[in-house]
Amino acid sequence: MQICRDACFFFLTIWLVYLTFEVETFQGISCGSPGEVMNGRYDLTEGVEFGARVTAQCDKGSVVHTHRTGPSHQHYIVGSKVRNCMAAGWSGRVVKCGAPPVVANGSLLYRAEESYAYREVVEYQCDRQLTLDGPRFLHCSETGQFEPNPPKCIDITCPTPNIDKAFRVEGHMPPYKYMSFIRYECEKGYEMEGESGLACEIDSRWSAPYPTCKVSKDSNPEAENVFFSKIGDEIKGGLNTFINWVSKKIPEVELKLPWMRK
């Protein structure tokens, strides 16, 4: 027990000597202004020199927040609302962010400020015909940087589909940009296999493979074309025979159909 008391007394003496040395060394050193508190101020009753303590006080109707909740327009203190003037300056820190990141071919929705308070939000937009790839909103984090990583403005254009025996029934004309939608139908006598509606996605690809138009089970367009072709030939042949017969009966009358004329 005697050894323990002696050791404790020794370390206590060393600690008191260190504190005395620190006070004498840094006595009179100023920490300067502790910073600003939005809608409030610091109580500087004890001054701003080494050893002084300041406390954040809010204007009437406002509240000092020391965590991630509350209005986004206030400045926040990381840690306690009480700050001490120490050898390295004020303990704790008021979180502020500088100018938000610049996005190529894009801009902020509102004019940029010189600085932003903790949790303040900025919103991005892209130049015309470009698409925002990434988060639209960034916030001032407790590290003093905007998070998450800024978005990119990219050009998204899907190719114009070429679908045989089909025609477009819905959607705009090309170029097809992000989220453009088109829908196709097959010609008469054909039925569609696959998705009839396509949407242009973020990777400049359509949401589904192109559909195909195949001959309907209930019809045969090729056979119908052959059938009508044969009927047309028979009609032409019959008319030619009739004209020849009339010409023989009435020699002075010359009759020719359009396809018989040279």
C-alpha atoms as a PDB file:
ATOM      1  CA  MET A   1       0.000   0.000   0.000  1.00  0.00           C
ATOM      2  CA  GLN A   2       2.858   2.356   0.838  1.00  0.00           C
ATOM      3  CA  ILE A   3       4.406   1.699  -2.593  1.00  0.00           C
ATOM      4  CA  CYS A   4       1.082   2.443  -4.308  1.00  0.00           C
ATOM      5  CA  ARG A   5       0.706   5.716  -2.386  1.00  0.00           C
ATOM      6  CA  ASP A   6       4.218   6.782  -3.292  1.00  0.00           C
ATOM      7  CA  ALA A   7       3.671   5.961  -6.978  1.00  0.00           C
ATOM      8  CA  CYS A   8       0.360   7.801  -7.087  1.00  0.00           C
ATOM      9  CA  PHE A   9       1.894  10.811  -5.336  1.00  0.00           C
ATOM     10  CA  PHE A  10       4.793  10.789  -7.808  1.00  0.00           C
ATOM     11  CA  PHE A  11       2.555  10.749 -10.887  1.00  0.00           C
ATOM     12  CA  LEU A  12       0.260  13.378  -9.373  1.00  0.00           C
ATOM     13  CA  THR A  13       3.252  15.624  -8.771  1.00  0.00           C
ATOM     14  CA  ILE A  14       4.439  15.152 -12.367  1.00  0.00           C
ATOM     15  CA  TRP A  15       0.932  15.961 -13.665  1.00  0.00           C
ATOM     16  CA  LEU A  16       0.696  19.147 -11.555  1.00  0.00           C
ATOM     17  CA  VAL A  17       4.111  20.250 -12.757  1.00  0.00           C
ATOM     18  CA  TYR A  18       3.021  19.651 -16.367  1.00  0.00           C
ATOM     19  CA  LEU A  19      -0.176  21.614 -15.894  1.00  0.00           C
ATOM     20  CA  THR A  20       1.721  24.477 -14.255  1.00  0.00           C
ATOM     21  CA  PHE A  21       4.209  24.476 -17.131  1.00  0.00           C
ATOM     22  CA  GLU A  22       1.430  24.399 -19.723  1.00  0.00           C
ATOM     23  CA  VAL A  23      -0.490  27.234 -18.094  1.00  0.00           C
ATOM     24  CA  GLU A  24       2.616  29.380 -17.790  1.00  0.00           C
ATOM     25  CA  THR A  25       3.698  28.564 -21.331  1.00  0.00           C
ATOM     26  CA  PHE A  26       0.391  29.231 -23.085  1.00  0.00           C
ATOM     27  CA  GLN A  27      -0.981  31.858 -20.710  1.00  0.00           C
ATOM     28  CA  GLY A  28      -2.093  34.877 -22.704  1.00  0.00           C
ATOM     29  CA  ILE A  29      -2.197  33.014 -26.035  1.00  0.00           C
ATOM     30  CA  SER A  30      -5.414  33.813 -27.894  1.00  0.00           C
ATOM     31  CA  CYS A  31      -7.423  31.232 -29.820  1.00  0.00           C
ATOM     32  CA  GLY A  32      -9.093  33.981 -31.817  1.00  0.00           C
ATOM     33  CA  SER A  33     -12.719  33.898 -32.851  1.00  0.00           C
ATOM     34  CA  PRO A  34     -14.431  30.539 -32.223  1.00  0.00           C
ATOM     35  CA  GLY A  35     -16.414  30.980 -35.437  1.00  0.00           C
ATOM     36  CA  GLU A  36     -20.019  31.756 -36.212  1.00  0.00           C
ATOM     37  CA  VAL A  37     -23.250  30.091 -35.219  1.00  0.00           C
ATOM     38  CA  MET A  38     -26.117  30.532 -37.664  1.00  0.00           C
ATOM     39  CA  ASN A  39     -29.017  32.212 -35.863  1.00  0.00           C
ATOM     40  CA  GLY A  40     -26.935  32.411 -32.702  1.00  0.00           C
ATOM     41  CA  ARG A  41     -23.619  33.359 -31.104  1.00  0.00           C
ATOM     42  CA  TYR A  42     -20.933  32.198 -28.685  1.00  0.00           C
ATOM     43  CA  ASP A  43     -20.885  33.435 -25.107  1.00  0.00           C
ATOM     44  CA  LEU A  44     -17.418  35.021 -24.822  1.00  0.00           C
ATOM     45  CA  THR A  45     -17.684  35.974 -21.147  1.00  0.00           C
ATOM     46  CA  GLU A  46     -14.425  34.107 -20.329  1.00  0.00           C
ATOM     47  CA  GLY A  47     -12.636  35.646 -23.303  1.00  0.00           C
ATOM     48  CA  VAL A  48     -10.748  33.884 -26.085  1.00  0.00           C
ATOM     49  CA  GLU A  49      -7.390  33.213 -24.408  1.00  0.00           C
ATOM     50  CA  PHE A  50      -5.899  29.896 -23.355  1.00  0.00           C
ATOM     51  CA  GLY A  51      -8.109  28.135 -20.798  1.00  0.00           C
ATOM     52  CA  ALA A  52     -11.256  30.090 -21.683  1.00  0.00           C
ATOM     53  CA  ARG A  53     -14.502  28.321 -22.421  1.00  0.00           C
ATOM     54  CA  VAL A  54     -17.252  29.462 -24.782  1.00  0.00           C
ATOM     55  CA  THR A  55     -20.780  28.134 -25.131  1.00  0.00           C
ATOM     56  CA  ALA A  56     -22.985  28.293 -28.188  1.00  0.00           C
ATOM     57  CA  GLN A  57     -26.229  30.158 -27.601  1.00  0.00           C
ATOM     58  CA  CYS A  58     -29.063  30.484 -30.086  1.00  0.00           C
ATOM     59  CA  ASP A  59     -31.264  33.405 -30.903  1.00  0.00           C
ATOM     60  CA  LYS A  60     -34.813  33.161 -29.680  1.00  0.00           C
ATOM     61  CA  GLY A  61     -36.717  30.494 -31.582  1.00  0.00           C
ATOM     62  CA  SER A  62     -33.577  28.602 -32.724  1.00  0.00           C
ATOM     63  CA  VAL A  63     -31.864  25.508 -31.393  1.00  0.00           C
ATOM     64  CA  VAL A  64     -28.202  24.477 -31.423  1.00  0.00           C
ATOM     65  CA  HIS A  65     -27.806  21.011 -32.944  1.00  0.00           C
ATOM     66  CA  THR A  66     -24.781  18.830 -32.294  1.00  0.00           C
ATOM     67  CA  HIS A  67     -25.902  15.860 -34.429  1.00  0.00           C
ATOM     68  CA  ARG A  68     -27.504  15.047 -37.798  1.00  0.00           C
ATOM     69  CA  THR A  69     -31.023  16.286 -37.135  1.00  0.00           C
ATOM     70  CA  GLY A  70     -32.676  19.641 -37.437  1.00  0.00           C
ATOM     71  CA  PRO A  71     -33.023  22.381 -40.054  1.00  0.00           C
ATOM     72  CA  SER A  72     -30.496  22.253 -42.855  1.00  0.00           C
ATOM     73  CA  HIS A  73     -29.845  26.021 -42.860  1.00  0.00           C
ATOM     74  CA  GLN A  74     -28.052  26.109 -39.475  1.00  0.00           C
ATOM     75  CA  HIS A  75     -24.357  25.684 -38.700  1.00  0.00           C
ATOM     76  CA  TYR A  76     -23.582  22.574 -36.660  1.00  0.00           C
ATOM     77  CA  ILE A  77     -21.025  21.823 -33.979  1.00  0.00           C
ATOM     78  CA  VAL A  78     -19.403  18.394 -33.991  1.00  0.00           C
ATOM     79  CA  GLY A  79     -19.372  17.284 -30.359  1.00  0.00           C
ATOM     80  CA  SER A  80     -20.400  19.438 -27.419  1.00  0.00           C
ATOM     81  CA  LYS A  81     -21.761  22.941 -27.850  1.00  0.00           C
ATOM     82  CA  VAL A  82     -19.073  24.010 -25.359  1.00  0.00           C
ATOM     83  CA  ARG A  83     -15.623  24.757 -26.825  1.00  0.00           C
ATOM     84  CA  ASN A  84     -12.383  25.236 -24.906  1.00  0.00           C
ATOM     85  CA  CYS A  85      -9.379  27.342 -25.889  1.00  0.00           C
ATOM     86  CA  MET A  86      -6.478  24.898 -25.896  1.00  0.00           C
ATOM     87  CA  ALA A  87      -2.878  24.962 -27.023  1.00  0.00           C
ATOM     88  CA  ALA A  88      -3.875  23.853 -30.531  1.00  0.00           C
ATOM     89  CA  GLY A  89      -6.866  26.209 -30.701  1.00  0.00           C
ATOM     90  CA  TRP A  90     -10.551  25.764 -30.023  1.00  0.00           C
ATOM     91  CA  SER A  91     -11.774  22.258 -29.292  1.00  0.00           C
ATOM     92  CA  GLY A  92     -14.494  20.929 -31.543  1.00  0.00           C
ATOM     93  CA  ARG A  93     -15.246  22.589 -34.845  1.00  0.00           C
ATOM     94  CA  VAL A  94     -18.092  24.186 -36.747  1.00  0.00           C
ATOM     95  CA  VAL A  95     -18.817  22.214 -39.913  1.00  0.00           C
ATOM     96  CA  LYS A  96     -18.850  24.173 -43.149  1.00  0.00           C
ATOM     97  CA  CYS A  97     -18.350  23.111 -46.766  1.00  0.00           C
ATOM     98  CA  GLY A  98     -16.782  25.174 -49.512  1.00  0.00           C
ATOM     99  CA  ALA A  99     -18.022  25.444 -53.066  1.00  0.00           C
ATOM    100  CA  PRO A 100     -19.714  22.250 -54.347  1.00  0.00           C
ATOM    101  CA  PRO A 101     -18.005  20.100 -57.032  1.00  0.00           C
ATOM    102  CA  VAL A 102     -18.173  21.247 -60.642  1.00  0.00           C
ATOM    103  CA  VAL A 103     -19.922  18.852 -63.044  1.00  0.00           C
ATOM    104  CA  ALA A 104     -18.907  18.934 -66.710  1.00  0.00           C
ATOM    105  CA  ASN A 105     -21.815  19.863 -69.017  1.00  0.00           C
ATOM    106  CA  GLY A 106     -23.955  20.475 -65.954  1.00  0.00           C
ATOM    107  CA  SER A 107     -24.673  23.123 -63.335  1.00  0.00           C
ATOM    108  CA  LEU A 108     -26.338  23.751 -59.993  1.00  0.00           C
ATOM    109  CA  LEU A 109     -30.055  24.353 -60.086  1.00  0.00           C
ATOM    110  CA  TYR A 110     -29.464  27.489 -57.965  1.00  0.00           C
ATOM    111  CA  ARG A 111     -26.533  29.892 -57.798  1.00  0.00           C
ATOM    112  CA  ALA A 112     -23.530  28.536 -55.887  1.00  0.00           C
ATOM    113  CA  GLU A 113     -22.653  30.031 -52.491  1.00  0.00           C
ATOM    114  CA  GLU A 114     -19.173  30.574 -51.064  1.00  0.00           C
ATOM    115  CA  SER A 115     -19.837  28.200 -48.167  1.00  0.00           C
ATOM    116  CA  TYR A 116     -22.515  25.805 -46.946  1.00  0.00           C
ATOM    117  CA  ALA A 117     -23.587  24.698 -43.485  1.00  0.00           C
ATOM    118  CA  TYR A 118     -23.680  21.109 -42.330  1.00  0.00           C
ATOM    119  CA  ARG A 119     -26.420  19.126 -44.117  1.00  0.00           C
ATOM    120  CA  GLU A 120     -27.232  21.899 -46.577  1.00  0.00           C
ATOM    121  CA  VAL A 121     -28.186  20.418 -49.944  1.00  0.00           C
ATOM    122  CA  VAL A 122     -27.307  21.362 -53.517  1.00  0.00           C
ATOM    123  CA  GLU A 123     -29.095  20.104 -56.635  1.00  0.00           C
ATOM    124  CA  TYR A 124     -27.571  19.491 -60.075  1.00  0.00           C
ATOM    125  CA  GLN A 125     -28.993  19.640 -63.589  1.00  0.00           C
ATOM    126  CA  CYS A 126     -27.505  18.776 -66.992  1.00  0.00           C
ATOM    127  CA  ASP A 127     -27.284  20.781 -70.168  1.00  0.00           C
ATOM    128  CA  ARG A 128     -29.979  20.137 -72.763  1.00  0.00           C
ATOM    129  CA  GLN A 129     -30.145  16.659 -74.311  1.00  0.00           C
ATOM    130  CA  LEU A 130     -27.828  15.217 -71.616  1.00  0.00           C
ATOM    131  CA  THR A 131     -28.844  12.882 -68.796  1.00  0.00           C
ATOM    132  CA  LEU A 132     -27.811  12.973 -65.135  1.00  0.00           C
ATOM    133  CA  ASP A 133     -25.996   9.759 -64.213  1.00  0.00           C
ATOM    134  CA  GLY A 134     -25.716   9.618 -60.429  1.00  0.00           C
ATOM    135  CA  PRO A 135     -27.257  11.450 -57.470  1.00  0.00           C
ATOM    136  CA  ARG A 136     -29.111  14.672 -58.205  1.00  0.00           C
ATOM    137  CA  PHE A 137     -28.657  15.940 -54.614  1.00  0.00           C
ATOM    138  CA  LEU A 138     -25.439  16.314 -52.593  1.00  0.00           C
ATOM    139  CA  HIS A 139     -25.240  17.403 -48.950  1.00  0.00           C
ATOM    140  CA  CYS A 140     -22.548  19.011 -46.822  1.00  0.00           C
ATOM    141  CA  SER A 141     -21.236  16.210 -44.590  1.00  0.00           C
ATOM    142  CA  GLU A 142     -19.581  16.340 -41.177  1.00  0.00           C
ATOM    143  CA  THR A 143     -16.200  15.972 -42.892  1.00  0.00           C
ATOM    144  CA  GLY A 144     -16.605  19.371 -44.521  1.00  0.00           C
ATOM    145  CA  GLN A 145     -17.017  17.791 -47.966  1.00  0.00           C
ATOM    146  CA  PHE A 146     -20.068  17.260 -50.154  1.00  0.00           C
ATOM    147  CA  GLU A 147     -21.375  13.691 -50.286  1.00  0.00           C
ATOM    148  CA  PRO A 148     -21.983  11.385 -52.075  1.00  0.00           C
ATOM    149  CA  ASN A 149     -19.747  11.614 -55.144  1.00  0.00           C
ATOM    150  CA  PRO A 150     -21.027  14.108 -57.738  1.00  0.00           C
ATOM    151  CA  PRO A 151     -23.024  12.899 -60.776  1.00  0.00           C
ATOM    152  CA  LYS A 152     -21.996  12.964 -64.445  1.00  0.00           C
ATOM    153  CA  CYS A 153     -23.835  14.390 -67.427  1.00  0.00           C
ATOM    154  CA  ILE A 154     -23.803  11.867 -70.266  1.00  0.00           C
ATOM    155  CA  ASP A 155     -25.284  11.594 -73.745  1.00  0.00           C
ATOM    156  CA  ILE A 156     -27.750   8.703 -74.005  1.00  0.00           C
ATOM    157  CA  THR A 157     -29.023   7.841 -77.492  1.00  0.00           C
ATOM    158  CA  CYS A 158     -30.592   4.518 -78.445  1.00  0.00           C
ATOM    159  CA  PRO A 159     -30.384   3.283 -82.075  1.00  0.00           C
ATOM    160  CA  THR A 160     -33.448   3.467 -84.314  1.00  0.00           C
ATOM    161  CA  PRO A 161     -35.016  -0.025 -84.489  1.00  0.00           C
ATOM    162  CA  ASN A 162     -35.423  -1.645 -87.901  1.00  0.00           C
ATOM    163  CA  ILE A 163     -38.137  -4.295 -87.613  1.00  0.00           C
ATOM    164  CA  ASP A 164     -39.270  -6.065 -90.772  1.00  0.00           C
ATOM    165  CA  LYS A 165     -43.036  -6.193 -91.439  1.00  0.00           C
ATOM    166  CA  ALA A 166     -43.696  -3.792 -88.521  1.00  0.00           C
ATOM    167  CA  PHE A 167     -44.617  -0.139 -88.113  1.00  0.00           C
ATOM    168  CA  ARG A 168     -44.412   2.293 -85.195  1.00  0.00           C
ATOM    169  CA  VAL A 169     -47.761   3.132 -83.546  1.00  0.00           C
ATOM    170  CA  GLU A 170     -46.554   5.040 -80.469  1.00  0.00           C
ATOM    171  CA  GLY A 171     -43.584   7.223 -79.561  1.00  0.00           C
ATOM    172  CA  HIS A 172     -41.655  10.127 -81.012  1.00  0.00           C
ATOM    173  CA  MET A 173     -39.341  10.251 -83.968  1.00  0.00           C
ATOM    174  CA  PRO A 174     -35.583   9.744 -83.448  1.00  0.00           C
ATOM    175  CA  PRO A 175     -33.199  10.615 -81.916  1.00  0.00           C
ATOM    176  CA  TYR A 176     -34.258   8.455 -79.000  1.00  0.00           C
ATOM    177  CA  LYS A 177     -32.948   9.794 -75.696  1.00  0.00           C
ATOM    178  CA  TYR A 178     -33.118   8.439 -72.150  1.00  0.00           C
ATOM    179  CA  MET A 179     -36.593   7.116 -71.260  1.00  0.00           C
ATOM    180  CA  SER A 180     -37.905   7.528 -74.811  1.00  0.00           C
ATOM    181  CA  PHE A 181     -40.682   5.010 -75.455  1.00  0.00           C
ATOM    182  CA  ILE A 182     -41.842   3.452 -78.733  1.00  0.00           C
ATOM    183  CA  ARG A 183     -44.320   0.699 -79.569  1.00  0.00           C
ATOM    184  CA  TYR A 184     -44.704  -1.363 -82.746  1.00  0.00           C
ATOM    185  CA  GLU A 185     -47.405  -3.423 -84.421  1.00  0.00           C
ATOM    186  CA  CYS A 186     -47.063  -5.970 -87.204  1.00  0.00           C
ATOM    187  CA  GLU A 187     -48.543  -5.645 -90.665  1.00  0.00           C
ATOM    188  CA  LYS A 188     -51.733  -7.522 -91.523  1.00  0.00           C
ATOM    189  CA  GLY A 189     -51.176 -11.241 -91.759  1.00  0.00           C
ATOM    190  CA  TYR A 190     -48.290 -11.208 -89.270  1.00  0.00           C
ATOM    191  CA  GLU A 191     -48.167 -11.631 -85.530  1.00  0.00           C
ATOM    192  CA  MET A 192     -45.588 -10.256 -83.115  1.00  0.00           C
ATOM    193  CA  GLU A 193     -43.184 -12.243 -80.990  1.00  0.00           C
ATOM    194  CA  GLY A 194     -41.443 -10.364 -78.172  1.00  0.00           C
ATOM    195  CA  GLU A 195     -42.069  -7.033 -76.460  1.00  0.00           C
ATOM    196  CA  SER A 196     -43.988  -4.550 -78.572  1.00  0.00           C
ATOM    197  CA  GLY A 197     -42.954  -1.600 -76.356  1.00  0.00           C
ATOM    198  CA  LEU A 198     -39.335  -0.479 -75.937  1.00  0.00           C
ATOM    199  CA  ALA A 199     -37.797   2.117 -73.565  1.00  0.00           C
ATOM    200  CA  CYS A 200     -34.363   3.709 -73.977  1.00  0.00           C
ATOM    201  CA  GLU A 201     -32.280   2.980 -70.874  1.00  0.00           C
ATOM    202  CA  ILE A 202     -29.274   4.590 -69.165  1.00  0.00           C
ATOM    203  CA  ASP A 203     -26.756   2.424 -71.056  1.00  0.00           C
ATOM    204  CA  SER A 204     -28.063   3.595 -74.468  1.00  0.00           C
ATOM    205  CA  ARG A 205     -29.762   0.247 -75.001  1.00  0.00           C
ATOM    206  CA  TRP A 206     -33.424  -0.627 -75.416  1.00  0.00           C
ATOM    207  CA  SER A 207     -35.197  -2.257 -72.504  1.00  0.00           C
ATOM    208  CA  ALA A 208     -35.798  -5.474 -74.500  1.00  0.00           C
ATOM    209  CA  PRO A 209     -34.637  -7.148 -77.731  1.00  0.00           C
ATOM    210  CA  TYR A 210     -36.390  -6.029 -80.887  1.00  0.00           C
ATOM    211  CA  PRO A 211     -39.616  -7.972 -81.532  1.00  0.00           C
ATOM    212  CA  THR A 212     -40.115  -9.976 -84.725  1.00  0.00           C
ATOM    213  CA  CYS A 213     -43.123 -10.226 -87.030  1.00  0.00           C
ATOM    214  CA  LYS A 214     -43.864 -13.749 -88.185  1.00  0.00           C
ATOM    215  CA  VAL A 215     -46.567 -15.048 -90.486  1.00  0.00           C
ATOM    216  CA  SER A 216     -49.815 -15.483 -88.608  1.00  0.00           C
ATOM    217  CA  LYS A 217     -51.047 -19.030 -88.108  1.00  0.00           C
ATOM    218  CA  ASP A 218     -54.431 -18.049 -89.556  1.00  0.00           C
ATOM    219  CA  SER A 219     -53.089 -16.437 -92.720  1.00  0.00           C
ATOM    220  CA  ASN A 220     -50.470 -16.878 -95.414  1.00  0.00           C
ATOM    221  CA  PRO A 221     -49.621 -13.517 -97.018  1.00  0.00           C
ATOM    222  CA  GLU A 222     -47.308 -15.059 -99.580  1.00  0.00           C
ATOM    223  CA  ALA A 223     -49.988 -17.527-100.724  1.00  0.00           C
ATOM    224  CA  GLU A 224     -52.513 -14.686-100.871  1.00  0.00           C
ATOM    225  CA  ASN A 225     -50.180 -12.650-103.063  1.00  0.00           C
ATOM    226  CA  VAL A 226     -49.735 -15.608-105.445  1.00  0.00           C
ATOM    227  CA  PHE A 227     -53.508 -16.171-105.545  1.00  0.00           C
ATOM    228  CA  PHE A 228     -54.311 -12.547-106.390  1.00  0.00           C
ATOM    229  CA  SER A 229     -51.510 -12.467-108.938  1.00  0.00           C
ATOM    230  CA  LYS A 230     -53.001 -15.478-110.721  1.00  0.00           C
ATOM    231  CA  ILE A 231     -56.469 -13.896-110.699  1.00  0.00           C
ATOM    232  CA  GLY A 232     -55.017 -10.704-112.191  1.00  0.00           C
ATOM    233  CA  ASP A 233     -53.290 -12.659-114.951  1.00  0.00           C
ATOM    234  CA  GLU A 234     -56.511 -14.526-115.772  1.00  0.00           C
ATOM    235  CA  ILE A 235     -58.490 -11.295-115.930  1.00  0.00           C
ATOM    236  CA  LYS A 236     -55.907  -9.739-118.237  1.00  0.00           C
ATOM    237  CA  GLY A 237     -55.937 -12.850-120.453  1.00  0.00           C
ATOM    238  CA  GLY A 238     -59.735 -12.834-120.689  1.00  0.00           C
ATOM    239  CA  LEU A 239     -59.829  -9.173-121.649  1.00  0.00           C
ATOM    240  CA  ASN A 240     -57.172  -9.699-124.302  1.00  0.00           C
ATOM    241  CA  THR A 241     -59.223 -12.547-125.814  1.00  0.00           C
ATOM    242  CA  PHE A 242     -62.359 -10.379-125.809  1.00  0.00           C
ATOM    243  CA  ILE A 243     -60.558  -7.476-127.532  1.00  0.00           C
ATOM    244  CA  ASN A 244     -59.142  -9.793-130.216  1.00  0.00           C
ATOM    245  CA  TRP A 245     -62.628 -11.202-130.899  1.00  0.00           C
ATOM    246  CA  VAL A 246     -64.111  -7.686-131.174  1.00  0.00           C
ATOM    247  CA  SER A 247     -61.308  -6.587-133.507  1.00  0.00           C
ATOM    248  CA  LYS A 248     -62.029  -9.489-135.844  1.00  0.00           C
ATOM    249  CA  LYS A 249     -65.733  -8.753-135.889  1.00  0.00           C
ATOM    250  CA  ILE A 250     -65.213  -5.012-136.363  1.00  0.00           C
ATOM    251  CA  PRO A 251     -61.906  -4.609-138.212  1.00  0.00           C
ATOM    252  CA  GLU A 252     -62.133  -0.844-138.535  1.00  0.00           C
ATOM    253  CA  VAL A 253     -62.249  -0.509-134.709  1.00  0.00           C
ATOM    254  CA  GLU A 254     -58.950  -0.851-132.920  1.00  0.00           C
ATOM    255  CA  LEU A 255     -59.211  -1.351-129.183  1.00  0.00           C
ATOM    256  CA  LYS A 256     -56.243  -1.720-126.918  1.00  0.00           C
ATOM    257  CA  LEU A 257     -55.978  -1.970-123.149  1.00  0.00           C
ATOM    258  CA  PRO A 258     -53.216  -0.025-121.337  1.00  0.00           C
ATOM    259  CA  TRP A 259     -50.965  -3.028-120.973  1.00  0.00           C
ATOM    260  CA  MET A 260     -51.359  -3.830-124.720  1.00  0.00           C
ATOM    261  CA  ARG A 261     -50.095  -0.455-125.899  1.00  0.00           C
ATOM    262  CA  LYS A 262     -46.510   0.025-126.980  1.00  0.00           C
END
